[in-house]
Amino acid sequence: MPLSFIGFGFSLELLGVGLGTVVCSRVLGEQASARRVAATLIALAVVNAASIFADELLQLLVRFVAGLIGGVLVGATISAIVRSAAPTRNSAIYLTGQTVVQFGIALLLTGLISPRFGSNGSFVVIALFALGALPFTLHLRPVALSQSAEQDADFAPLQWHHWTALLVIGLVMASLSSVVSYSEVHLAALELPQELVDLAIPIVLIGQILGGCVAMVLSGRVSHSWLIPIMILGICASMIALGITTKAPQLLLLYAAVGFGWMFLGPFFVGWLLALDPTYSVARLFAAAQLLGIAVGPLAVGAVDGSVKLTTSLAGAATLAAIVFFFLVSLRAQQQTTPEHSRM
């Protein structure tokens, strides 16, 4: 298959994951019980195995369905995390651990499985991983996916600033993923050695793991009200620098910084959403906003089919828009809390 087709399929699967997080409670019901999670894992294994028999067009549908099912599991995890006693720290642990596992599986598939058994062998291994997770479901306790009775009494539809907060996350993640998806093409266009080109994605992943670890250390110790805009500004500066830098060491360092910001911001976004809406309604959509943004970024790059300067310019503009929207949301949140304090 052409690389463009594979990239489109990957983005389509990510879109499925994002949508799957939204329909999570519909699929798993009011309780994410061990039995329902186990059934979802089995369905995920079956769909991944079905990829072996799918042709090009059917493959897109199969991968989208696999994304939907995987998104249901992600949604259940996020729903449990935002209800935990330390959601920022736990989300950092989850996101970092997830990245480490993905890194390990990617090395296994590309270094051992695919060279010997092809893509079909990789799909079988992915299906086996889903089945291998089944024993862990025996230790799961039911986690409520709906709001408590007290929260139901005060429940109201999401307001515009809640949706804008989710848009901030989507814009930041879209800008990051668009630049990362273009990284190898970018380095190759500069006629750098292939060894350096091949380092682009691993460097981003290492930056992600480091960012998640730092987020774990700082969770609960710093305020998201100033940290988030400063980090987004730093990401914007990295985008601008990527568009003008041509030397390999600086480029790899910048891609590491992009990975760092990618993972570092996630946990603090969760804390920000919980501060905006303590009923968890907005925070539960964090994964959907993040994943949909990650999926849209590469699709946007593919649509414009431009140079690295255009890609980084669009990414920089998206992050600047995210900062503007962040302050709009913060201003609205302050306006909501001020009347409450004046009545006290």
C-alpha atoms as a PDB file:
ATOM      1  CA  MET A   1       0.000   0.000   0.000  1.00  0.00           C
ATOM      2  CA  PRO A   2       1.233   3.570  -0.637  1.00  0.00           C
ATOM      3  CA  LEU A   3       2.432   5.463   2.428  1.00  0.00           C
ATOM      4  CA  SER A   4      -0.240   8.138   1.916  1.00  0.00           C
ATOM      5  CA  PHE A   5      -2.944   5.456   2.121  1.00  0.00           C
ATOM      6  CA  ILE A   6      -1.409   4.000   5.298  1.00  0.00           C
ATOM      7  CA  GLY A   7      -1.183   7.472   6.844  1.00  0.00           C
ATOM      8  CA  PHE A   8      -4.814   8.170   5.995  1.00  0.00           C
ATOM      9  CA  GLY A   9      -5.838   4.842   7.534  1.00  0.00           C
ATOM     10  CA  PHE A  10      -3.902   5.666  10.710  1.00  0.00           C
ATOM     11  CA  SER A  11      -5.624   9.036  11.011  1.00  0.00           C
ATOM     12  CA  LEU A  12      -8.995   7.395  10.357  1.00  0.00           C
ATOM     13  CA  GLU A  13      -8.330   4.888  13.135  1.00  0.00           C
ATOM     14  CA  LEU A  14      -7.423   7.730  15.508  1.00  0.00           C
ATOM     15  CA  LEU A  15     -10.684   9.470  14.601  1.00  0.00           C
ATOM     16  CA  GLY A  16     -12.426   6.244  15.555  1.00  0.00           C
ATOM     17  CA  VAL A  17     -10.629   6.191  18.911  1.00  0.00           C
ATOM     18  CA  GLY A  18     -11.686   9.778  19.602  1.00  0.00           C
ATOM     19  CA  LEU A  19     -15.310   9.049  18.748  1.00  0.00           C
ATOM     20  CA  GLY A  20     -15.171   5.823  20.749  1.00  0.00           C
ATOM     21  CA  THR A  21     -14.299   7.735  23.916  1.00  0.00           C
ATOM     22  CA  VAL A  22     -17.495   9.772  23.460  1.00  0.00           C
ATOM     23  CA  VAL A  23     -19.750   6.705  23.139  1.00  0.00           C
ATOM     24  CA  CYS A  24     -17.963   4.866  25.970  1.00  0.00           C
ATOM     25  CA  SER A  25     -20.769   5.097  28.535  1.00  0.00           C
ATOM     26  CA  ARG A  26     -23.326   4.056  25.907  1.00  0.00           C
ATOM     27  CA  VAL A  27     -21.405   0.851  25.193  1.00  0.00           C
ATOM     28  CA  LEU A  28     -20.269  -0.090  28.684  1.00  0.00           C
ATOM     29  CA  GLY A  29     -23.434   1.141  30.389  1.00  0.00           C
ATOM     30  CA  GLU A  30     -23.580   2.836  33.753  1.00  0.00           C
ATOM     31  CA  GLN A  31     -20.796   0.657  35.177  1.00  0.00           C
ATOM     32  CA  ALA A  32     -17.505  -0.273  33.484  1.00  0.00           C
ATOM     33  CA  SER A  33     -17.707  -3.798  34.903  1.00  0.00           C
ATOM     34  CA  ALA A  34     -15.020  -6.424  34.384  1.00  0.00           C
ATOM     35  CA  ARG A  35     -17.362  -8.484  32.205  1.00  0.00           C
ATOM     36  CA  ARG A  36     -18.112  -5.618  29.839  1.00  0.00           C
ATOM     37  CA  VAL A  37     -14.481  -4.562  29.592  1.00  0.00           C
ATOM     38  CA  ALA A  38     -13.531  -8.178  28.840  1.00  0.00           C
ATOM     39  CA  ALA A  39     -16.150  -8.347  26.086  1.00  0.00           C
ATOM     40  CA  THR A  40     -14.766  -5.123  24.602  1.00  0.00           C
ATOM     41  CA  LEU A  41     -11.225  -6.566  24.616  1.00  0.00           C
ATOM     42  CA  ILE A  42     -12.431  -9.693  22.820  1.00  0.00           C
ATOM     43  CA  ALA A  43     -14.195  -7.550  20.207  1.00  0.00           C
ATOM     44  CA  LEU A  44     -10.983  -5.548  19.745  1.00  0.00           C
ATOM     45  CA  ALA A  45      -8.981  -8.743  19.231  1.00  0.00           C
ATOM     46  CA  VAL A  46     -11.489 -10.053  16.658  1.00  0.00           C
ATOM     47  CA  VAL A  47     -11.462  -6.818  14.651  1.00  0.00           C
ATOM     48  CA  ASN A  48      -7.659  -6.654  14.643  1.00  0.00           C
ATOM     49  CA  ALA A  49      -7.507 -10.259  13.434  1.00  0.00           C
ATOM     50  CA  ALA A  50     -10.040  -9.384  10.713  1.00  0.00           C
ATOM     51  CA  SER A  51      -7.524  -6.918   9.272  1.00  0.00           C
ATOM     52  CA  ILE A  52      -5.675  -9.913   7.831  1.00  0.00           C
ATOM     53  CA  PHE A  53      -8.532 -10.647   5.417  1.00  0.00           C
ATOM     54  CA  ALA A  54      -9.430  -7.061   4.461  1.00  0.00           C
ATOM     55  CA  ASP A  55      -8.437  -5.453   1.163  1.00  0.00           C
ATOM     56  CA  GLU A  56      -7.426  -1.793   0.847  1.00  0.00           C
ATOM     57  CA  LEU A  57     -10.843  -0.120   1.080  1.00  0.00           C
ATOM     58  CA  LEU A  58     -12.289  -2.601   3.547  1.00  0.00           C
ATOM     59  CA  GLN A  59      -9.128  -2.186   5.597  1.00  0.00           C
ATOM     60  CA  LEU A  60     -10.040   1.459   6.226  1.00  0.00           C
ATOM     61  CA  LEU A  61     -13.410   0.423   7.626  1.00  0.00           C
ATOM     62  CA  VAL A  62     -11.887  -2.328   9.767  1.00  0.00           C
ATOM     63  CA  ARG A  63      -9.290   0.043  11.235  1.00  0.00           C
ATOM     64  CA  PHE A  64     -11.960   2.653  11.946  1.00  0.00           C
ATOM     65  CA  VAL A  65     -14.031   0.044  13.810  1.00  0.00           C
ATOM     66  CA  ALA A  66     -10.909  -1.050  15.715  1.00  0.00           C
ATOM     67  CA  GLY A  67     -10.409   2.580  16.688  1.00  0.00           C
ATOM     68  CA  LEU A  68     -14.000   2.880  17.916  1.00  0.00           C
ATOM     69  CA  ILE A  69     -13.628  -0.198  20.126  1.00  0.00           C
ATOM     70  CA  GLY A  70     -10.258   0.946  21.449  1.00  0.00           C
ATOM     71  CA  GLY A  71     -11.753   4.356  22.155  1.00  0.00           C
ATOM     72  CA  VAL A  72     -14.394   2.770  24.366  1.00  0.00           C
ATOM     73  CA  LEU A  73     -11.614   1.372  26.560  1.00  0.00           C
ATOM     74  CA  VAL A  74      -9.783   4.713  26.570  1.00  0.00           C
ATOM     75  CA  GLY A  75     -13.019   6.464  27.559  1.00  0.00           C
ATOM     76  CA  ALA A  76     -13.521   4.074  30.469  1.00  0.00           C
ATOM     77  CA  THR A  77      -9.972   4.727  31.661  1.00  0.00           C
ATOM     78  CA  ILE A  78     -10.297   8.509  31.451  1.00  0.00           C
ATOM     79  CA  SER A  79     -13.650   8.384  33.246  1.00  0.00           C
ATOM     80  CA  ALA A  80     -12.003   6.521  36.113  1.00  0.00           C
ATOM     81  CA  ILE A  81      -9.000   8.865  36.199  1.00  0.00           C
ATOM     82  CA  VAL A  82     -11.000  12.102  36.387  1.00  0.00           C
ATOM     83  CA  ARG A  83     -12.906  10.682  39.379  1.00  0.00           C
ATOM     84  CA  SER A  84      -9.745   9.664  41.229  1.00  0.00           C
ATOM     85  CA  ALA A  85      -8.259  11.513  44.180  1.00  0.00           C
ATOM     86  CA  ALA A  86      -5.298  12.794  42.114  1.00  0.00           C
ATOM     87  CA  PRO A  87      -6.518  13.119  38.509  1.00  0.00           C
ATOM     88  CA  THR A  88      -3.564  15.199  37.254  1.00  0.00           C
ATOM     89  CA  ARG A  89      -0.954  12.782  38.566  1.00  0.00           C
ATOM     90  CA  ASN A  90      -2.920   9.687  37.546  1.00  0.00           C
ATOM     91  CA  SER A  91      -3.438  11.019  34.034  1.00  0.00           C
ATOM     92  CA  ALA A  92       0.319  11.651  33.807  1.00  0.00           C
ATOM     93  CA  ILE A  93       0.984   8.071  34.893  1.00  0.00           C
ATOM     94  CA  TYR A  94      -1.554   6.732  32.385  1.00  0.00           C
ATOM     95  CA  LEU A  95      -0.393   8.814  29.420  1.00  0.00           C
ATOM     96  CA  THR A  96       3.296   8.142  30.078  1.00  0.00           C
ATOM     97  CA  GLY A  97       2.784   4.440  30.694  1.00  0.00           C
ATOM     98  CA  GLN A  98       0.693   4.185  27.539  1.00  0.00           C
ATOM     99  CA  THR A  99       3.464   5.828  25.506  1.00  0.00           C
ATOM    100  CA  VAL A 100       6.144   3.517  26.927  1.00  0.00           C
ATOM    101  CA  VAL A 101       4.041   0.448  26.077  1.00  0.00           C
ATOM    102  CA  GLN A 102       3.334   1.766  22.566  1.00  0.00           C
ATOM    103  CA  PHE A 103       7.044   2.416  22.068  1.00  0.00           C
ATOM    104  CA  GLY A 104       7.870  -1.140  23.149  1.00  0.00           C
ATOM    105  CA  ILE A 105       5.202  -2.712  20.933  1.00  0.00           C
ATOM    106  CA  ALA A 106       6.296  -0.597  17.968  1.00  0.00           C
ATOM    107  CA  LEU A 107       9.888  -1.798  18.410  1.00  0.00           C
ATOM    108  CA  LEU A 108       8.675  -5.400  18.642  1.00  0.00           C
ATOM    109  CA  LEU A 109       6.543  -5.157  15.508  1.00  0.00           C
ATOM    110  CA  THR A 110       9.019  -3.248  13.322  1.00  0.00           C
ATOM    111  CA  GLY A 111      12.156  -5.011  14.556  1.00  0.00           C
ATOM    112  CA  LEU A 112      10.987  -8.616  14.887  1.00  0.00           C
ATOM    113  CA  ILE A 113       7.443  -9.392  13.702  1.00  0.00           C
ATOM    114  CA  SER A 114       6.952  -7.424  10.474  1.00  0.00           C
ATOM    115  CA  PRO A 115      10.308  -8.373   8.866  1.00  0.00           C
ATOM    116  CA  ARG A 116       9.506 -12.078   9.344  1.00  0.00           C
ATOM    117  CA  PHE A 117       5.719 -12.282   9.102  1.00  0.00           C
ATOM    118  CA  GLY A 118       4.667  -9.059   7.366  1.00  0.00           C
ATOM    119  CA  SER A 119       1.801  -6.774   8.350  1.00  0.00           C
ATOM    120  CA  ASN A 120      -0.538  -9.754   8.861  1.00  0.00           C
ATOM    121  CA  GLY A 121       1.751 -11.052  11.581  1.00  0.00           C
ATOM    122  CA  SER A 122       1.685  -7.644  13.254  1.00  0.00           C
ATOM    123  CA  PHE A 123      -2.126  -7.618  13.280  1.00  0.00           C
ATOM    124  CA  VAL A 124      -2.127 -11.078  14.887  1.00  0.00           C
ATOM    125  CA  VAL A 125       0.273  -9.909  17.598  1.00  0.00           C
ATOM    126  CA  ILE A 126      -1.867  -6.820  18.291  1.00  0.00           C
ATOM    127  CA  ALA A 127      -4.917  -9.087  18.612  1.00  0.00           C
ATOM    128  CA  LEU A 128      -3.005 -11.317  21.025  1.00  0.00           C
ATOM    129  CA  PHE A 129      -2.101  -8.286  23.140  1.00  0.00           C
ATOM    130  CA  ALA A 130      -5.820  -7.498  23.466  1.00  0.00           C
ATOM    131  CA  LEU A 131      -6.527 -11.066  24.566  1.00  0.00           C
ATOM    132  CA  GLY A 132      -3.518 -10.960  26.892  1.00  0.00           C
ATOM    133  CA  ALA A 133      -5.157  -8.082  28.767  1.00  0.00           C
ATOM    134  CA  LEU A 134      -8.176 -10.254  29.651  1.00  0.00           C
ATOM    135  CA  PRO A 135      -6.725 -11.660  32.924  1.00  0.00           C
ATOM    136  CA  PHE A 136      -6.264  -8.116  34.227  1.00  0.00           C
ATOM    137  CA  THR A 137     -10.019  -7.497  33.962  1.00  0.00           C
ATOM    138  CA  LEU A 138     -10.551  -9.991  36.808  1.00  0.00           C
ATOM    139  CA  HIS A 139      -9.076  -7.411  39.183  1.00  0.00           C
ATOM    140  CA  LEU A 140     -11.215  -4.510  37.983  1.00  0.00           C
ATOM    141  CA  ARG A 141     -13.799  -3.039  40.304  1.00  0.00           C
ATOM    142  CA  PRO A 142     -16.911  -1.410  38.819  1.00  0.00           C
ATOM    143  CA  VAL A 143     -16.301   2.256  38.058  1.00  0.00           C
ATOM    144  CA  ALA A 144     -19.281   4.552  37.686  1.00  0.00           C
ATOM    145  CA  LEU A 145     -19.377   6.182  34.274  1.00  0.00           C
ATOM    146  CA  SER A 146     -22.379   8.391  35.031  1.00  0.00           C
ATOM    147  CA  GLN A 147     -22.542  11.271  37.461  1.00  0.00           C
ATOM    148  CA  SER A 148     -23.596  10.847  41.060  1.00  0.00           C
ATOM    149  CA  ALA A 149     -27.067  11.775  42.245  1.00  0.00           C
ATOM    150  CA  GLU A 150     -25.748  15.019  43.725  1.00  0.00           C
ATOM    151  CA  GLN A 151     -24.103  15.969  40.453  1.00  0.00           C
ATOM    152  CA  ASP A 152     -27.183  14.997  38.438  1.00  0.00           C
ATOM    153  CA  ALA A 153     -29.194  17.516  40.425  1.00  0.00           C
ATOM    154  CA  ASP A 154     -26.914  20.335  39.302  1.00  0.00           C
ATOM    155  CA  PHE A 155     -26.234  18.984  35.814  1.00  0.00           C
ATOM    156  CA  ALA A 156     -26.522  21.428  32.933  1.00  0.00           C
ATOM    157  CA  PRO A 157     -25.520  21.161  29.268  1.00  0.00           C
ATOM    158  CA  LEU A 158     -21.973  22.203  28.468  1.00  0.00           C
ATOM    159  CA  GLN A 159     -21.609  25.940  27.964  1.00  0.00           C
ATOM    160  CA  TRP A 160     -19.701  27.655  25.164  1.00  0.00           C
ATOM    161  CA  HIS A 161     -16.548  28.108  27.210  1.00  0.00           C
ATOM    162  CA  HIS A 162     -16.502  24.375  27.990  1.00  0.00           C
ATOM    163  CA  TRP A 163     -16.558  23.584  24.275  1.00  0.00           C
ATOM    164  CA  THR A 164     -13.930  26.276  23.701  1.00  0.00           C
ATOM    165  CA  ALA A 165     -11.680  24.636  26.301  1.00  0.00           C
ATOM    166  CA  LEU A 166     -11.952  21.359  24.399  1.00  0.00           C
ATOM    167  CA  LEU A 167     -11.142  23.289  21.207  1.00  0.00           C
ATOM    168  CA  VAL A 168      -7.952  24.598  22.851  1.00  0.00           C
ATOM    169  CA  ILE A 169      -6.827  21.024  23.471  1.00  0.00           C
ATOM    170  CA  GLY A 170      -7.766  19.970  19.951  1.00  0.00           C
ATOM    171  CA  LEU A 171      -5.855  22.864  18.369  1.00  0.00           C
ATOM    172  CA  VAL A 172      -2.695  22.215  20.390  1.00  0.00           C
ATOM    173  CA  MET A 173      -2.727  18.492  19.667  1.00  0.00           C
ATOM    174  CA  ALA A 174      -3.471  19.063  15.968  1.00  0.00           C
ATOM    175  CA  SER A 175      -0.486  21.401  15.681  1.00  0.00           C
ATOM    176  CA  LEU A 176       1.814  18.942  17.461  1.00  0.00           C
ATOM    177  CA  SER A 177       0.716  15.900  15.452  1.00  0.00           C
ATOM    178  CA  SER A 178       0.898  17.747  12.128  1.00  0.00           C
ATOM    179  CA  VAL A 179       4.531  18.694  12.750  1.00  0.00           C
ATOM    180  CA  VAL A 180       5.443  15.210  13.990  1.00  0.00           C
ATOM    181  CA  SER A 181       3.789  13.550  10.976  1.00  0.00           C
ATOM    182  CA  TYR A 182       5.944  15.728   8.722  1.00  0.00           C
ATOM    183  CA  SER A 183       9.170  15.186  10.690  1.00  0.00           C
ATOM    184  CA  GLU A 184      10.784  12.465   8.583  1.00  0.00           C
ATOM    185  CA  VAL A 185       9.827  14.210   5.321  1.00  0.00           C
ATOM    186  CA  HIS A 186      11.242  17.432   6.771  1.00  0.00           C
ATOM    187  CA  LEU A 187      14.598  15.917   7.685  1.00  0.00           C
ATOM    188  CA  ALA A 188      14.863  13.999   4.404  1.00  0.00           C
ATOM    189  CA  ALA A 189      14.168  17.178   2.405  1.00  0.00           C
ATOM    190  CA  LEU A 190      17.190  18.775   4.095  1.00  0.00           C
ATOM    191  CA  GLU A 191      19.269  15.867   2.716  1.00  0.00           C
ATOM    192  CA  LEU A 192      20.325  14.741   6.163  1.00  0.00           C
ATOM    193  CA  PRO A 193      21.736  11.204   6.580  1.00  0.00           C
ATOM    194  CA  GLN A 194      19.086   8.483   6.756  1.00  0.00           C
ATOM    195  CA  GLU A 195      20.274   7.550  10.253  1.00  0.00           C
ATOM    196  CA  LEU A 196      19.246  11.002  11.472  1.00  0.00           C
ATOM    197  CA  VAL A 197      15.935  10.876   9.585  1.00  0.00           C
ATOM    198  CA  ASP A 198      15.120   7.574  11.284  1.00  0.00           C
ATOM    199  CA  LEU A 199      15.764   9.184  14.674  1.00  0.00           C
ATOM    200  CA  ALA A 200      12.921  11.728  14.322  1.00  0.00           C
ATOM    201  CA  ILE A 201      10.042   9.658  15.686  1.00  0.00           C
ATOM    202  CA  PRO A 202      12.081   7.935  18.461  1.00  0.00           C
ATOM    203  CA  ILE A 203      13.298  11.379  19.562  1.00  0.00           C
ATOM    204  CA  VAL A 204       9.686  12.604  19.764  1.00  0.00           C
ATOM    205  CA  LEU A 205       8.709   9.526  21.791  1.00  0.00           C
ATOM    206  CA  ILE A 206      11.616   9.997  24.195  1.00  0.00           C
ATOM    207  CA  GLY A 207      10.553  13.613  24.627  1.00  0.00           C
ATOM    208  CA  GLN A 208       7.010  12.443  25.353  1.00  0.00           C
ATOM    209  CA  ILE A 209       8.153  10.021  28.037  1.00  0.00           C
ATOM    210  CA  LEU A 210      10.329  12.702  29.644  1.00  0.00           C
ATOM    211  CA  GLY A 211       7.433  15.192  29.531  1.00  0.00           C
ATOM    212  CA  GLY A 212       5.110  12.720  31.209  1.00  0.00           C
ATOM    213  CA  CYS A 213       7.633  11.994  33.954  1.00  0.00           C
ATOM    214  CA  VAL A 214       8.112  15.712  34.660  1.00  0.00           C
ATOM    215  CA  ALA A 215       4.331  16.183  34.729  1.00  0.00           C
ATOM    216  CA  MET A 216       4.087  13.433  37.364  1.00  0.00           C
ATOM    217  CA  VAL A 217       6.629  15.245  39.535  1.00  0.00           C
ATOM    218  CA  LEU A 218       4.988  18.666  39.169  1.00  0.00           C
ATOM    219  CA  SER A 219       1.353  17.559  39.429  1.00  0.00           C
ATOM    220  CA  GLY A 220      -0.329  19.280  42.356  1.00  0.00           C
ATOM    221  CA  ARG A 221       2.607  21.662  42.795  1.00  0.00           C
ATOM    222  CA  VAL A 222       2.079  24.181  39.991  1.00  0.00           C
ATOM    223  CA  SER A 223      -0.982  26.046  38.753  1.00  0.00           C
ATOM    224  CA  HIS A 224      -2.378  25.255  35.318  1.00  0.00           C
ATOM    225  CA  SER A 225      -3.615  28.859  35.010  1.00  0.00           C
ATOM    226  CA  TRP A 226      -0.109  30.098  34.120  1.00  0.00           C
ATOM    227  CA  LEU A 227       1.627  26.862  33.141  1.00  0.00           C
ATOM    228  CA  ILE A 228      -0.661  26.004  30.210  1.00  0.00           C
ATOM    229  CA  PRO A 229      -0.316  29.309  28.291  1.00  0.00           C
ATOM    230  CA  ILE A 230       3.459  29.384  28.890  1.00  0.00           C
ATOM    231  CA  MET A 231       3.814  25.839  27.570  1.00  0.00           C
ATOM    232  CA  ILE A 232       1.653  26.585  24.521  1.00  0.00           C
ATOM    233  CA  LEU A 233       3.827  29.649  23.815  1.00  0.00           C
ATOM    234  CA  GLY A 234       6.882  27.403  24.078  1.00  0.00           C
ATOM    235  CA  ILE A 235       5.324  24.987  21.592  1.00  0.00           C
ATOM    236  CA  CYS A 236       4.586  27.875  19.233  1.00  0.00           C
ATOM    237  CA  ALA A 237       8.206  29.011  19.463  1.00  0.00           C
ATOM    238  CA  SER A 238       9.321  25.458  18.645  1.00  0.00           C
ATOM    239  CA  MET A 239       7.095  25.454  15.546  1.00  0.00           C
ATOM    240  CA  ILE A 240       8.631  28.720  14.335  1.00  0.00           C
ATOM    241  CA  ALA A 241      12.156  27.448  14.995  1.00  0.00           C
ATOM    242  CA  LEU A 242      11.481  24.205  13.106  1.00  0.00           C
ATOM    243  CA  GLY A 243      10.488  26.234  10.063  1.00  0.00           C
ATOM    244  CA  ILE A 244      13.794  28.096   9.896  1.00  0.00           C
ATOM    245  CA  THR A 245      16.412  25.750  11.411  1.00  0.00           C
ATOM    246  CA  THR A 246      18.460  23.520   9.100  1.00  0.00           C
ATOM    247  CA  LYS A 247      21.104  22.021  11.415  1.00  0.00           C
ATOM    248  CA  ALA A 248      20.546  18.454  12.569  1.00  0.00           C
ATOM    249  CA  PRO A 249      21.316  18.787  16.322  1.00  0.00           C
ATOM    250  CA  GLN A 250      18.952  21.746  16.744  1.00  0.00           C
ATOM    251  CA  LEU A 251      16.238  20.017  14.710  1.00  0.00           C
ATOM    252  CA  LEU A 252      16.372  16.856  16.802  1.00  0.00           C
ATOM    253  CA  LEU A 253      16.348  18.931  19.983  1.00  0.00           C
ATOM    254  CA  LEU A 254      13.272  20.811  18.747  1.00  0.00           C
ATOM    255  CA  TYR A 255      11.466  17.573  17.909  1.00  0.00           C
ATOM    256  CA  ALA A 256      12.278  16.337  21.402  1.00  0.00           C
ATOM    257  CA  ALA A 257      10.774  19.575  22.755  1.00  0.00           C
ATOM    258  CA  VAL A 258       7.636  18.972  20.677  1.00  0.00           C
ATOM    259  CA  GLY A 259       7.314  15.508  22.206  1.00  0.00           C
ATOM    260  CA  PHE A 260       7.909  16.916  25.678  1.00  0.00           C
ATOM    261  CA  GLY A 261       5.137  19.494  25.311  1.00  0.00           C
ATOM    262  CA  TRP A 262       2.798  16.874  23.816  1.00  0.00           C
ATOM    263  CA  MET A 263       2.865  14.690  26.931  1.00  0.00           C
ATOM    264  CA  PHE A 264       3.575  17.335  29.576  1.00  0.00           C
ATOM    265  CA  LEU A 265       0.455  19.375  28.825  1.00  0.00           C
ATOM    266  CA  GLY A 266      -2.032  16.490  28.862  1.00  0.00           C
ATOM    267  CA  PRO A 267      -2.318  15.966  32.641  1.00  0.00           C
ATOM    268  CA  PHE A 268      -2.602  19.706  33.289  1.00  0.00           C
ATOM    269  CA  PHE A 269      -5.334  19.962  30.663  1.00  0.00           C
ATOM    270  CA  VAL A 270      -7.256  17.401  32.735  1.00  0.00           C
ATOM    271  CA  GLY A 271      -6.837  19.530  35.865  1.00  0.00           C
ATOM    272  CA  TRP A 272      -7.948  22.628  33.947  1.00  0.00           C
ATOM    273  CA  LEU A 273     -11.114  20.936  32.668  1.00  0.00           C
ATOM    274  CA  LEU A 274     -11.975  19.726  36.176  1.00  0.00           C
ATOM    275  CA  ALA A 275     -11.559  23.261  37.511  1.00  0.00           C
ATOM    276  CA  LEU A 276     -13.935  24.544  34.824  1.00  0.00           C
ATOM    277  CA  ASP A 277     -16.555  21.892  35.541  1.00  0.00           C
ATOM    278  CA  PRO A 278     -16.295  19.795  38.748  1.00  0.00           C
ATOM    279  CA  THR A 279     -19.115  17.482  37.543  1.00  0.00           C
ATOM    280  CA  TYR A 280     -16.594  15.684  35.281  1.00  0.00           C
ATOM    281  CA  SER A 281     -18.745  16.252  32.175  1.00  0.00           C
ATOM    282  CA  VAL A 282     -16.045  18.257  30.376  1.00  0.00           C
ATOM    283  CA  ALA A 283     -13.058  16.315  31.721  1.00  0.00           C
ATOM    284  CA  ARG A 284     -14.516  13.056  30.431  1.00  0.00           C
ATOM    285  CA  LEU A 285     -14.226  14.512  26.919  1.00  0.00           C
ATOM    286  CA  PHE A 286     -10.500  15.228  27.315  1.00  0.00           C
ATOM    287  CA  ALA A 287      -9.440  12.087  25.457  1.00  0.00           C
ATOM    288  CA  ALA A 288     -11.888  12.789  22.637  1.00  0.00           C
ATOM    289  CA  ALA A 289     -10.551  16.339  22.153  1.00  0.00           C
ATOM    290  CA  GLN A 290      -6.952  15.133  22.349  1.00  0.00           C
ATOM    291  CA  LEU A 291      -7.337  12.195  19.959  1.00  0.00           C
ATOM    292  CA  LEU A 292      -9.486  14.023  17.437  1.00  0.00           C
ATOM    293  CA  GLY A 293      -6.886  16.811  17.375  1.00  0.00           C
ATOM    294  CA  ILE A 294      -4.085  14.285  16.854  1.00  0.00           C
ATOM    295  CA  ALA A 295      -6.014  12.720  13.971  1.00  0.00           C
ATOM    296  CA  VAL A 296      -6.948  16.007  12.295  1.00  0.00           C
ATOM    297  CA  GLY A 297      -3.370  17.385  12.283  1.00  0.00           C
ATOM    298  CA  PRO A 298      -1.879  14.901   9.768  1.00  0.00           C
ATOM    299  CA  LEU A 299      -5.061  15.031   7.671  1.00  0.00           C
ATOM    300  CA  ALA A 300      -4.711  18.818   7.423  1.00  0.00           C
ATOM    301  CA  VAL A 301      -1.065  18.488   6.387  1.00  0.00           C
ATOM    302  CA  GLY A 302      -2.024  15.945   3.749  1.00  0.00           C
ATOM    303  CA  ALA A 303      -4.785  18.209   2.438  1.00  0.00           C
ATOM    304  CA  VAL A 304      -2.574  21.270   1.918  1.00  0.00           C
ATOM    305  CA  ASP A 305       0.381  19.129   0.732  1.00  0.00           C
ATOM    306  CA  GLY A 306       2.709  22.030   1.383  1.00  0.00           C
ATOM    307  CA  SER A 307       6.253  22.610   2.498  1.00  0.00           C
ATOM    308  CA  VAL A 308       7.580  22.326   6.010  1.00  0.00           C
ATOM    309  CA  LYS A 309       7.370  26.126   6.323  1.00  0.00           C
ATOM    310  CA  LEU A 310       3.660  26.032   5.526  1.00  0.00           C
ATOM    311  CA  THR A 311       3.141  23.149   7.946  1.00  0.00           C
ATOM    312  CA  THR A 312       4.965  24.856  10.805  1.00  0.00           C
ATOM    313  CA  SER A 313       3.234  28.174  10.020  1.00  0.00           C
ATOM    314  CA  LEU A 314      -0.193  26.554  10.237  1.00  0.00           C
ATOM    315  CA  ALA A 315       0.812  24.769  13.438  1.00  0.00           C
ATOM    316  CA  GLY A 316       2.105  28.001  14.948  1.00  0.00           C
ATOM    317  CA  ALA A 317      -1.108  29.812  14.027  1.00  0.00           C
ATOM    318  CA  ALA A 318      -3.150  27.025  15.646  1.00  0.00           C
ATOM    319  CA  THR A 319      -1.207  27.305  18.905  1.00  0.00           C
ATOM    320  CA  LEU A 320      -1.582  31.095  18.953  1.00  0.00           C
ATOM    321  CA  ALA A 321      -5.333  30.688  18.456  1.00  0.00           C
ATOM    322  CA  ALA A 322      -5.316  28.176  21.317  1.00  0.00           C
ATOM    323  CA  ILE A 323      -3.744  30.762  23.649  1.00  0.00           C
ATOM    324  CA  VAL A 324      -6.397  33.333  22.729  1.00  0.00           C
ATOM    325  CA  PHE A 325      -9.171  30.832  23.381  1.00  0.00           C
ATOM    326  CA  PHE A 326      -7.500  29.778  26.663  1.00  0.00           C
ATOM    327  CA  PHE A 327      -7.689  33.330  28.018  1.00  0.00           C
ATOM    328  CA  LEU A 328     -11.282  33.711  26.797  1.00  0.00           C
ATOM    329  CA  VAL A 329     -12.211  30.569  28.733  1.00  0.00           C
ATOM    330  CA  SER A 330     -10.286  31.753  31.807  1.00  0.00           C
ATOM    331  CA  LEU A 331     -12.027  35.125  31.694  1.00  0.00           C
ATOM    332  CA  ARG A 332     -15.426  33.456  31.483  1.00  0.00           C
ATOM    333  CA  ALA A 333     -14.574  31.165  34.391  1.00  0.00           C
ATOM    334  CA  GLN A 334     -13.560  34.177  36.512  1.00  0.00           C
ATOM    335  CA  GLN A 335     -16.814  35.947  35.656  1.00  0.00           C
ATOM    336  CA  GLN A 336     -18.735  32.905  36.859  1.00  0.00           C
ATOM    337  CA  THR A 337     -16.900  32.641  40.187  1.00  0.00           C
ATOM    338  CA  THR A 338     -16.877  36.375  41.010  1.00  0.00           C
ATOM    339  CA  PRO A 339     -20.661  36.651  41.672  1.00  0.00           C
ATOM    340  CA  GLU A 340     -20.457  33.622  43.962  1.00  0.00           C
ATOM    341  CA  HIS A 341     -17.712  35.230  46.049  1.00  0.00           C
ATOM    342  CA  SER A 342     -19.566  38.570  46.163  1.00  0.00           C
ATOM    343  CA  ARG A 343     -22.580  36.841  47.719  1.00  0.00           C
ATOM    344  CA  MET A 344     -20.514  35.269  50.482  1.00  0.00           C
END
